Amino acid sequence: MVKVAIIGVGNVASALLQSLEMVKNGSKVQGIREDLPLSPSDIEVVSAFDVDKRKVGLPLSRAIFERPNVVEPLAQVRDWGVMVKRGPTLDGREGVLGEIIEESEDKPVDVAEEIRQSGAEVVLNLLPTGADKASIYYAQRSLEAGSSFINATPSPVTRLLGDKFVEAGLPLLGDDLLSQIGGTAFHAGLIDFLKSRGVKVTRSYQIDIAGTTEALVTLEDKRKDLKKGIKSSFLSSHSDADVVAGTSDYVEFLRDKRVSYMVIEGTYSIGVPIRVDISLKTMDAPNAVAPLIDLIRYSKMLKDNNMGGPIKEVCGYYFKNSIDKYNSFEEAKLALDKFTKSLMREPRTE
């Protein structure tokens, strides 16, 4: 069993909880690693934190369907016996978030103590882009509680707290989750394919449009520049081409649907031009489910083996802004596969 605490009961939390419920009812999640000793059905969410009054104090099974969440109901979620606790706000309502989130008047709980009391071995950070102070705060409380920390947000947690997690022998995985088949992953995969066929990619761009809270807040200059920089940097690690990528607009009626447009230009053969124009339409929140299920299981395995801090092979495969990046998905996958085999052979140290 892997006990998990969730920070931020938003769209991704909703998709993850519904998926775990479907797994317990016999469904399978496509795209997860099948070679890990832990099963998705072993994952149990035991604690959750938020600041929105529409969610705080509610059973988690109800809170995941409250506004401003827009994920479509995919499963009848049973009562997990978890009430959403009031966390500290810090910078969680800055900018446009202040217009979206209705702040709870409840007093924030002692986060580290709540994590300890719940028995959570893994803390999963799903806060909005730009909530850096809150993300760092929760990572520090996770450290105090002796729990692993997964940072799905762009906040630079691994860079700021990596050494402390190494000292504590606690895994710290991040930063900025790479979706299973989102625009950035798909775009990078196309670049990898074109390179493998001898195409010289010269320039490329990507724009993303969605109807989620995350898409709306990312339009603010500070958050937009952050996400644009991370996505462009990740794509540039796969190519030396001129690359620009980022969220460009919010369309409310799209809800959890995301539309990505990609253009890749280059040359092949005797220098003749090639241009690829593609649109990709996905459901945004479910795109995080498979990688998160893998990361939760890796976090448990790493913690049991006293492997602390950012783990290069895991972070480099599952995150856009890991400290160490790979030059292709093939390289990242080979490194992760090799590491996973060694991890499962490693005897547990006490």
Protein backbone atom coordinates (compact mmCIF):
# COMPACT_ATOMS: atom_id res chain seq x y z
CA MET A 1 0.00 0.00 0.00
CA VAL A 2 1.18 3.55 -0.81
CA LYS A 3 -0.43 6.31 1.25
CA VAL A 4 -0.61 9.70 -0.48
CA ALA A 5 -1.39 13.28 0.55
CA ILE A 6 -2.63 15.64 -2.18
CA ILE A 7 -1.87 19.37 -2.22
CA GLY A 8 -4.45 21.22 -4.30
CA VAL A 9 -7.79 19.54 -5.05
CA GLY A 10 -8.05 20.77 -8.64
CA ASN A 11 -8.67 19.20 -12.03
CA VAL A 12 -5.66 16.87 -11.95
CA ALA A 13 -6.58 15.65 -8.47
CA SER A 14 -10.09 14.97 -9.75
CA ALA A 15 -8.86 12.96 -12.74
CA LEU A 16 -6.40 11.02 -10.57
CA LEU A 17 -8.97 10.13 -7.89
CA GLN A 18 -11.51 9.04 -10.49
CA SER A 19 -8.89 6.92 -12.24
CA LEU A 20 -7.87 5.23 -8.99
CA GLU A 21 -11.54 4.48 -8.33
CA MET A 22 -11.88 2.95 -11.79
CA VAL A 23 -8.76 0.83 -11.15
CA LYS A 24 -10.28 -0.53 -7.94
CA ASN A 25 -13.34 -1.49 -10.02
CA GLY A 26 -11.23 -3.47 -12.48
CA SER A 27 -10.30 -0.90 -15.13
CA LYS A 28 -6.74 -0.43 -16.39
CA VAL A 29 -4.80 2.78 -16.89
CA GLN A 30 -3.10 2.83 -20.28
CA GLY A 31 0.53 3.89 -20.41
CA ILE A 32 1.69 3.07 -16.89
CA ARG A 33 4.75 0.95 -16.19
CA GLU A 34 3.76 -2.67 -15.80
CA ASP A 35 7.12 -3.81 -14.41
CA LEU A 36 6.90 -2.07 -11.02
CA PRO A 37 6.12 -4.32 -8.05
CA LEU A 38 3.42 -1.98 -6.76
CA SER A 39 0.01 -1.85 -8.47
CA PRO A 40 -2.11 1.28 -9.04
CA SER A 41 -4.70 -0.40 -6.80
CA ASP A 42 -2.14 -0.16 -3.97
CA ILE A 43 -2.41 3.65 -3.99
CA GLU A 44 -4.55 5.12 -1.22
CA VAL A 45 -5.16 8.86 -0.80
CA VAL A 46 -5.22 9.56 2.94
CA SER A 47 -5.06 13.37 3.15
CA ALA A 48 -5.82 16.44 1.02
CA PHE A 49 -5.31 20.21 1.35
CA ASP A 50 -6.89 23.21 -0.36
CA VAL A 51 -7.78 26.86 0.37
CA ASP A 52 -11.09 27.23 -1.52
CA LYS A 53 -14.16 27.38 0.72
CA ARG A 54 -16.09 25.28 -1.81
CA LYS A 55 -13.74 22.36 -1.08
CA VAL A 56 -12.37 22.79 2.45
CA GLY A 57 -14.32 20.68 4.95
CA LEU A 58 -15.93 18.53 2.26
CA PRO A 59 -15.28 14.82 1.73
CA LEU A 60 -12.58 14.50 -0.92
CA SER A 61 -14.95 12.40 -3.03
CA ARG A 62 -17.25 15.46 -3.33
CA ALA A 63 -14.64 18.21 -3.40
CA ILE A 64 -13.10 16.92 -6.65
CA PHE A 65 -16.31 17.85 -8.49
CA GLU A 66 -16.68 21.37 -7.03
CA ARG A 67 -15.99 24.57 -8.99
CA PRO A 68 -13.72 25.80 -10.38
CA ASN A 69 -12.94 22.19 -11.40
CA VAL A 70 -14.21 21.35 -14.89
CA VAL A 71 -13.18 17.69 -15.31
CA GLU A 72 -16.05 15.58 -16.57
CA PRO A 73 -17.30 12.90 -14.13
CA LEU A 74 -15.79 9.63 -15.32
CA ALA A 75 -16.56 7.43 -12.33
CA GLN A 76 -18.76 7.14 -9.27
CA VAL A 77 -16.22 7.90 -6.54
CA ARG A 78 -16.74 6.23 -3.18
CA ASP A 79 -16.17 8.07 0.08
CA TRP A 80 -12.46 7.67 0.78
CA GLY A 81 -12.98 8.80 4.37
CA VAL A 82 -10.81 11.87 3.72
CA MET A 83 -11.95 15.42 4.50
CA VAL A 84 -10.23 18.29 2.68
CA LYS A 85 -8.14 20.27 5.17
CA ARG A 86 -7.48 24.01 5.08
CA GLY A 87 -3.90 24.70 4.06
CA PRO A 88 -2.12 28.08 4.25
CA THR A 89 -2.83 30.43 1.34
CA LEU A 90 0.57 32.17 1.00
CA ASP A 91 0.79 33.10 -2.72
CA GLY A 92 -1.98 30.71 -3.76
CA ARG A 93 -4.41 33.54 -4.61
CA GLU A 94 -2.09 36.05 -6.24
CA GLY A 95 -3.17 37.73 -9.47
CA VAL A 96 -6.13 36.27 -11.33
CA LEU A 97 -6.28 33.35 -8.87
CA GLY A 98 -7.75 35.82 -6.38
CA GLU A 99 -10.77 36.18 -8.67
CA ILE A 100 -11.18 32.42 -9.12
CA ILE A 101 -10.51 30.96 -5.67
CA GLU A 102 -13.00 31.75 -2.90
CA GLU A 103 -10.79 31.70 0.17
CA SER A 104 -11.95 29.63 3.13
CA GLU A 105 -12.32 31.40 6.47
CA ASP A 106 -11.23 28.26 8.34
CA LYS A 107 -7.94 28.35 10.22
CA PRO A 108 -5.09 26.53 8.41
CA VAL A 109 -4.12 23.22 9.97
CA ASP A 110 -0.65 22.11 11.04
CA VAL A 111 0.34 20.59 7.70
CA ALA A 112 3.35 18.56 8.85
CA GLU A 113 1.37 17.07 11.73
CA GLU A 114 -1.57 16.25 9.45
CA ILE A 115 0.76 14.47 7.02
CA ARG A 116 2.29 12.52 9.90
CA GLN A 117 -1.06 11.60 11.43
CA SER A 118 -2.45 10.46 8.08
CA GLY A 119 0.51 8.17 7.53
CA ALA A 120 1.17 9.65 4.07
CA GLU A 121 4.47 8.39 2.67
CA VAL A 122 4.18 10.46 -0.52
CA VAL A 123 3.05 14.09 -0.84
CA LEU A 124 1.83 15.13 -4.30
CA ASN A 125 1.94 18.85 -5.12
CA LEU A 126 -0.75 19.89 -7.63
CA LEU A 127 -0.92 23.64 -6.91
CA PRO A 128 -1.40 26.17 -9.76
CA THR A 129 1.54 27.51 -11.76
CA GLY A 130 3.23 30.40 -9.96
CA ALA A 131 2.36 29.40 -6.38
CA ASP A 132 6.07 29.14 -5.57
CA LYS A 133 5.92 30.10 -1.89
CA ALA A 134 3.14 27.61 -1.24
CA SER A 135 4.94 24.85 -3.13
CA ILE A 136 8.15 25.40 -1.17
CA TYR A 137 6.18 25.54 2.08
CA TYR A 138 4.50 22.18 1.44
CA ALA A 139 7.80 20.60 0.39
CA GLN A 140 9.35 21.75 3.68
CA ARG A 141 6.42 20.35 5.68
CA SER A 142 6.74 17.09 3.77
CA LEU A 143 10.41 16.99 4.72
CA GLU A 144 9.50 17.56 8.38
CA ALA A 145 6.96 14.75 8.24
CA GLY A 146 9.45 12.33 6.67
CA SER A 147 7.56 11.95 3.38
CA SER A 148 8.60 11.83 -0.28
CA PHE A 149 7.57 14.85 -2.36
CA ILE A 150 6.41 14.96 -5.99
CA ASN A 151 6.33 18.44 -7.50
CA ALA A 152 4.06 18.42 -10.55
CA THR A 153 4.23 22.24 -10.74
CA PRO A 154 6.84 24.51 -12.40
CA SER A 155 8.00 25.86 -9.00
CA PRO A 156 11.78 25.23 -8.63
CA VAL A 157 11.48 22.89 -5.66
CA THR A 158 14.17 20.39 -6.70
CA ARG A 159 16.71 23.17 -7.21
CA LEU A 160 15.96 24.91 -3.92
CA LEU A 161 15.44 21.93 -1.61
CA GLY A 162 17.19 19.05 -3.36
CA ASP A 163 20.16 18.97 -0.96
CA LYS A 164 17.91 18.87 2.11
CA PHE A 165 15.99 15.90 0.75
CA VAL A 166 19.28 14.16 -0.05
CA GLU A 167 20.41 14.65 3.56
CA ALA A 168 17.11 13.27 4.84
CA GLY A 169 17.18 10.27 2.50
CA LEU A 170 13.79 11.28 1.09
CA PRO A 171 12.95 11.30 -2.65
CA LEU A 172 12.14 14.65 -4.26
CA LEU A 173 10.78 14.33 -7.79
CA GLY A 174 10.17 17.31 -10.09
CA ASP A 175 9.79 19.87 -11.54
CA ASP A 176 6.81 20.46 -13.88
CA LEU A 177 5.15 17.20 -14.87
CA LEU A 178 5.38 16.06 -18.49
CA SER A 179 1.92 14.88 -19.53
CA GLN A 180 1.44 11.43 -21.05
CA ILE A 181 0.55 12.71 -24.51
CA GLY A 182 0.22 16.48 -24.12
CA GLY A 183 1.39 19.03 -26.65
CA THR A 184 4.95 19.27 -25.35
CA ALA A 185 5.49 15.50 -25.23
CA PHE A 186 3.94 15.04 -28.68
CA HIS A 187 5.95 17.94 -30.12
CA ALA A 188 9.23 16.59 -28.72
CA GLY A 189 8.39 13.12 -30.04
CA LEU A 190 7.84 14.52 -33.54
CA ILE A 191 11.20 16.27 -33.39
CA ASP A 192 12.85 13.01 -32.29
CA PHE A 193 11.22 11.16 -35.20
CA LEU A 194 12.22 13.76 -37.79
CA LYS A 195 15.82 13.73 -36.52
CA SER A 196 15.87 9.92 -36.73
CA ARG A 197 14.94 10.22 -40.43
CA GLY A 198 17.75 12.66 -41.16
CA VAL A 199 15.67 15.85 -41.13
CA LYS A 200 17.43 18.98 -39.86
CA VAL A 201 14.82 20.81 -37.77
CA THR A 202 15.47 24.55 -38.02
CA ARG A 203 12.57 26.08 -36.13
CA SER A 204 9.37 25.12 -34.41
CA TYR A 205 6.55 26.61 -32.40
CA GLN A 206 3.61 25.40 -30.35
CA ILE A 207 0.53 27.12 -28.94
CA ASP A 208 -1.93 25.64 -26.44
CA ILE A 209 -5.54 26.63 -25.75
CA ALA A 210 -7.74 25.24 -22.96
CA GLY A 211 -10.63 26.08 -20.62
CA THR A 212 -9.11 25.16 -17.25
CA THR A 213 -8.09 27.39 -14.35
CA GLU A 214 -4.46 26.52 -15.12
CA ALA A 215 -4.84 27.80 -18.69
CA LEU A 216 -6.41 31.05 -17.45
CA VAL A 217 -3.78 31.85 -14.81
CA THR A 218 -0.98 30.99 -17.22
CA LEU A 219 -2.02 33.98 -19.36
CA GLU A 220 -0.64 36.33 -16.70
CA ASP A 221 2.73 37.61 -17.88
CA LYS A 222 4.82 36.19 -15.02
CA ARG A 223 3.28 32.71 -15.20
CA LYS A 224 3.13 32.75 -19.00
CA ASP A 225 6.82 33.58 -19.30
CA LEU A 226 7.68 30.84 -16.79
CA LYS A 227 5.74 28.12 -18.63
CA LYS A 228 6.92 29.36 -22.03
CA GLY A 229 10.53 29.22 -20.87
CA ILE A 230 10.20 25.70 -19.44
CA LYS A 231 8.39 24.25 -22.47
CA SER A 232 10.77 25.90 -24.93
CA SER A 233 13.80 24.73 -22.94
CA PHE A 234 12.51 21.15 -22.84
CA LEU A 235 11.91 21.10 -26.59
CA SER A 236 15.32 22.69 -27.20
CA SER A 237 16.94 19.80 -25.31
CA HIS A 238 15.65 17.56 -28.14
CA SER A 239 16.93 19.85 -30.90
CA ASP A 240 19.23 22.82 -31.52
CA ALA A 241 16.44 24.48 -33.53
CA ASP A 242 14.84 27.81 -32.72
CA VAL A 243 11.86 26.70 -30.56
CA VAL A 244 9.02 28.65 -28.91
CA ALA A 245 6.12 27.06 -27.00
CA GLY A 246 3.49 28.11 -24.49
CA THR A 247 -0.17 28.61 -23.55
CA SER A 248 -1.65 31.30 -25.75
CA ASP A 249 -5.32 31.56 -24.81
CA TYR A 250 -8.17 30.56 -22.50
CA VAL A 251 -11.53 29.54 -23.93
CA GLU A 252 -14.01 28.82 -21.14
CA PHE A 253 -16.33 26.51 -23.06
CA LEU A 254 -13.44 24.15 -23.84
CA ARG A 255 -13.45 23.22 -20.14
CA ASP A 256 -10.90 20.39 -19.71
CA LYS A 257 -10.28 20.05 -23.45
CA ARG A 258 -6.88 21.25 -24.68
CA VAL A 259 -6.09 22.14 -28.28
CA SER A 260 -2.43 22.30 -29.27
CA TYR A 261 -1.12 23.59 -32.59
CA MET A 262 2.42 22.74 -33.69
CA VAL A 263 4.48 23.84 -36.66
CA ILE A 264 7.88 22.28 -37.34
CA GLU A 265 10.11 23.49 -40.17
CA GLY A 266 13.36 22.05 -41.44
CA THR A 267 15.26 20.66 -44.40
CA TYR A 268 16.01 17.18 -45.74
CA SER A 269 17.75 15.40 -48.63
CA ILE A 270 19.62 18.05 -50.64
CA GLY A 271 18.42 20.87 -48.41
CA VAL A 272 14.84 21.05 -49.64
CA PRO A 273 12.28 22.39 -47.14
CA ILE A 274 9.77 20.45 -45.07
CA ARG A 275 6.99 21.86 -42.91
CA VAL A 276 4.74 19.91 -40.53
CA ASP A 277 1.46 21.44 -39.31
CA ILE A 278 -0.44 19.44 -36.68
CA SER A 279 -3.31 20.04 -34.27
CA LEU A 280 -3.68 17.81 -31.21
CA LYS A 281 -6.89 17.66 -29.16
CA THR A 282 -6.77 16.02 -25.73
CA MET A 283 -8.46 16.03 -22.33
CA ASP A 284 -6.05 17.93 -20.12
CA ALA A 285 -6.32 16.51 -16.59
CA PRO A 286 -6.38 12.78 -17.53
CA ASN A 287 -3.09 13.41 -19.34
CA ALA A 288 -1.40 13.60 -15.93
CA VAL A 289 -2.81 10.35 -14.53
CA ALA A 290 -0.44 7.71 -15.94
CA PRO A 291 2.80 9.56 -15.11
CA LEU A 292 1.53 10.40 -11.61
CA ILE A 293 0.62 6.77 -10.91
CA ASP A 294 4.16 5.80 -11.93
CA LEU A 295 5.74 8.58 -9.86
CA ILE A 296 3.77 7.68 -6.73
CA ARG A 297 4.97 4.10 -7.01
CA TYR A 298 8.57 5.15 -7.70
CA SER A 299 8.46 7.48 -4.68
CA LYS A 300 7.49 4.61 -2.41
CA MET A 301 10.19 2.33 -3.82
CA LEU A 302 12.87 5.02 -3.57
CA LYS A 303 11.88 5.91 -0.02
CA ASP A 304 12.00 2.26 1.02
CA ASN A 305 15.56 2.15 -0.34
CA ASN A 306 16.60 5.39 1.42
CA MET A 307 17.33 7.09 -1.90
CA GLY A 308 16.98 10.82 -1.30
CA GLY A 309 16.77 13.98 -3.37
CA PRO A 310 16.05 14.38 -7.10
CA ILE A 311 16.67 11.08 -8.89
CA LYS A 312 18.10 11.89 -12.33
CA GLU A 313 16.62 8.95 -14.24
CA VAL A 314 13.11 9.40 -12.84
CA CYS A 315 12.99 13.19 -13.01
CA GLY A 316 14.56 13.31 -16.47
CA TYR A 317 11.85 11.07 -17.91
CA TYR A 318 8.73 12.39 -16.19
CA PHE A 319 9.32 16.15 -15.90
CA LYS A 320 9.85 19.06 -18.28
CA ASN A 321 12.16 21.03 -15.98
CA SER A 322 14.28 18.41 -14.28
CA ILE A 323 17.77 19.41 -13.21
CA ASP A 324 19.23 16.87 -15.66
CA LYS A 325 17.69 16.62 -19.12
CA TYR A 326 18.05 13.97 -21.81
CA ASN A 327 18.43 14.66 -25.54
CA SER A 328 15.62 12.35 -26.64
CA PHE A 329 12.78 10.23 -25.28
CA GLU A 330 14.71 7.12 -26.31
CA GLU A 331 17.71 8.16 -24.22
CA ALA A 332 15.48 9.03 -21.25
CA LYS A 333 13.56 5.74 -21.52
CA LEU A 334 16.73 3.63 -21.71
CA ALA A 335 18.15 5.36 -18.63
CA LEU A 336 14.91 4.88 -16.69
CA ASP A 337 14.61 1.22 -17.68
CA LYS A 338 18.18 0.51 -16.57
CA PHE A 339 17.66 2.37 -13.30
CA THR A 340 14.37 0.57 -12.61
CA LYS A 341 15.98 -2.84 -13.03
CA SER A 342 18.77 -1.92 -10.63
CA LEU A 343 16.27 -0.46 -8.15
CA MET A 344 14.25 -3.65 -8.03
CA ARG A 345 17.43 -5.67 -7.47
CA GLU A 346 18.63 -3.33 -4.72
CA PRO A 347 18.17 -4.83 -1.24
CA ARG A 348 16.26 -2.60 1.13
CA THR A 349 18.53 -0.78 3.60
CA GLU A 350 17.38 0.01 7.11
